[in-house]
Amino acid sequence: MTASELQVVRLLAQGATNRQAAEQLFLSPHTVNTPLRHAYSKLDVNSRVELTRLVLAHDG
């Protein structure tokens, strides 16, 4: 995954909304959606819950 994908994924796994992640990364909420979609595809997940589980398992 790219650095921007990892930043977005980690923030969302910590419970941030797309809007909150965008504010922290100084991006628009729409811009946050692109790396999020790419991460879903690369990790073969379909939901934020699955994504969070993977991140927590990896970082935990």
C-alpha atoms as a PDB file:
ATOM      1  CA  MET A   1       0.000   0.000   0.000  1.00  0.00           C
ATOM      2  CA  THR A   2       1.076   3.562  -0.568  1.00  0.00           C
ATOM      3  CA  ALA A   3       1.924   5.927   2.263  1.00  0.00           C
ATOM      4  CA  SER A   4      -1.285   7.925   1.731  1.00  0.00           C
ATOM      5  CA  GLU A   5      -3.366   4.741   1.784  1.00  0.00           C
ATOM      6  CA  LEU A   6      -1.746   3.688   5.048  1.00  0.00           C
ATOM      7  CA  GLN A   7      -2.364   7.098   6.640  1.00  0.00           C
ATOM      8  CA  VAL A   8      -6.042   7.042   5.713  1.00  0.00           C
ATOM      9  CA  VAL A   9      -6.537   3.404   6.710  1.00  0.00           C
ATOM     10  CA  ARG A  10      -4.913   3.865  10.111  1.00  0.00           C
ATOM     11  CA  LEU A  11      -6.967   6.952  10.914  1.00  0.00           C
ATOM     12  CA  LEU A  12     -10.178   5.216   9.921  1.00  0.00           C
ATOM     13  CA  ALA A  13      -9.240   2.109  11.899  1.00  0.00           C
ATOM     14  CA  GLN A  14      -8.874   4.367  14.944  1.00  0.00           C
ATOM     15  CA  GLY A  15     -12.481   5.440  14.464  1.00  0.00           C
ATOM     16  CA  ALA A  16     -12.126   8.615  12.435  1.00  0.00           C
ATOM     17  CA  THR A  17     -14.784   9.434   9.874  1.00  0.00           C
ATOM     18  CA  ASN A  18     -13.770  10.305   6.319  1.00  0.00           C
ATOM     19  CA  ARG A  19     -14.329  13.976   7.171  1.00  0.00           C
ATOM     20  CA  GLN A  20     -12.190  13.758  10.336  1.00  0.00           C
ATOM     21  CA  ALA A  21      -9.394  11.959   8.460  1.00  0.00           C
ATOM     22  CA  ALA A  22      -9.553  14.610   5.754  1.00  0.00           C
ATOM     23  CA  GLU A  23      -9.212  17.381   8.329  1.00  0.00           C
ATOM     24  CA  GLN A  24      -6.219  15.717   9.995  1.00  0.00           C
ATOM     25  CA  LEU A  25      -4.502  15.131   6.643  1.00  0.00           C
ATOM     26  CA  PHE A  26      -5.454  18.547   5.241  1.00  0.00           C
ATOM     27  CA  LEU A  27      -7.415  16.959   2.393  1.00  0.00           C
ATOM     28  CA  SER A  28     -10.986  17.086   1.175  1.00  0.00           C
ATOM     29  CA  PRO A  29     -13.305  14.262   2.257  1.00  0.00           C
ATOM     30  CA  HIS A  30     -13.582  13.270  -1.411  1.00  0.00           C
ATOM     31  CA  THR A  31      -9.799  12.964  -1.659  1.00  0.00           C
ATOM     32  CA  VAL A  32      -9.779  10.609   1.344  1.00  0.00           C
ATOM     33  CA  ASN A  33     -12.181   8.305  -0.453  1.00  0.00           C
ATOM     34  CA  THR A  34      -9.716   7.483  -3.265  1.00  0.00           C
ATOM     35  CA  PRO A  35      -6.957   5.895  -1.154  1.00  0.00           C
ATOM     36  CA  LEU A  36      -9.656   4.221   0.925  1.00  0.00           C
ATOM     37  CA  ARG A  37     -11.162   2.538  -2.147  1.00  0.00           C
ATOM     38  CA  HIS A  38      -7.698   1.468  -3.304  1.00  0.00           C
ATOM     39  CA  ALA A  39      -6.938   0.003   0.128  1.00  0.00           C
ATOM     40  CA  TYR A  40     -10.222  -1.932   0.113  1.00  0.00           C
ATOM     41  CA  SER A  41      -9.300  -3.384  -3.252  1.00  0.00           C
ATOM     42  CA  LYS A  42      -5.704  -4.214  -2.356  1.00  0.00           C
ATOM     43  CA  LEU A  43      -6.674  -5.823   0.951  1.00  0.00           C
ATOM     44  CA  ASP A  44      -9.728  -7.551  -0.523  1.00  0.00           C
ATOM     45  CA  VAL A  45     -12.126  -6.178   2.083  1.00  0.00           C
ATOM     46  CA  ASN A  46     -15.646  -4.854   1.653  1.00  0.00           C
ATOM     47  CA  SER A  47     -16.298  -2.916   4.837  1.00  0.00           C
ATOM     48  CA  ARG A  48     -14.708  -0.570   7.326  1.00  0.00           C
ATOM     49  CA  VAL A  49     -15.118  -3.266   9.995  1.00  0.00           C
ATOM     50  CA  GLU A  50     -13.029  -5.752   7.987  1.00  0.00           C
ATOM     51  CA  LEU A  51     -10.475  -3.046   7.283  1.00  0.00           C
ATOM     52  CA  THR A  52     -10.229  -2.149  10.979  1.00  0.00           C
ATOM     53  CA  ARG A  53      -9.749  -5.791  11.966  1.00  0.00           C
ATOM     54  CA  LEU A  54      -6.894  -6.181   9.497  1.00  0.00           C
ATOM     55  CA  VAL A  55      -5.180  -2.994  10.628  1.00  0.00           C
ATOM     56  CA  LEU A  56      -5.517  -3.825  14.305  1.00  0.00           C
ATOM     57  CA  ALA A  57      -4.228  -7.354  13.732  1.00  0.00           C
ATOM     58  CA  HIS A  58      -1.258  -6.011  11.799  1.00  0.00           C
ATOM     59  CA  ASP A  59      -0.403  -3.053  14.045  1.00  0.00           C
ATOM     60  CA  GLY A  60      -1.489  -4.652  17.325  1.00  0.00           C
END
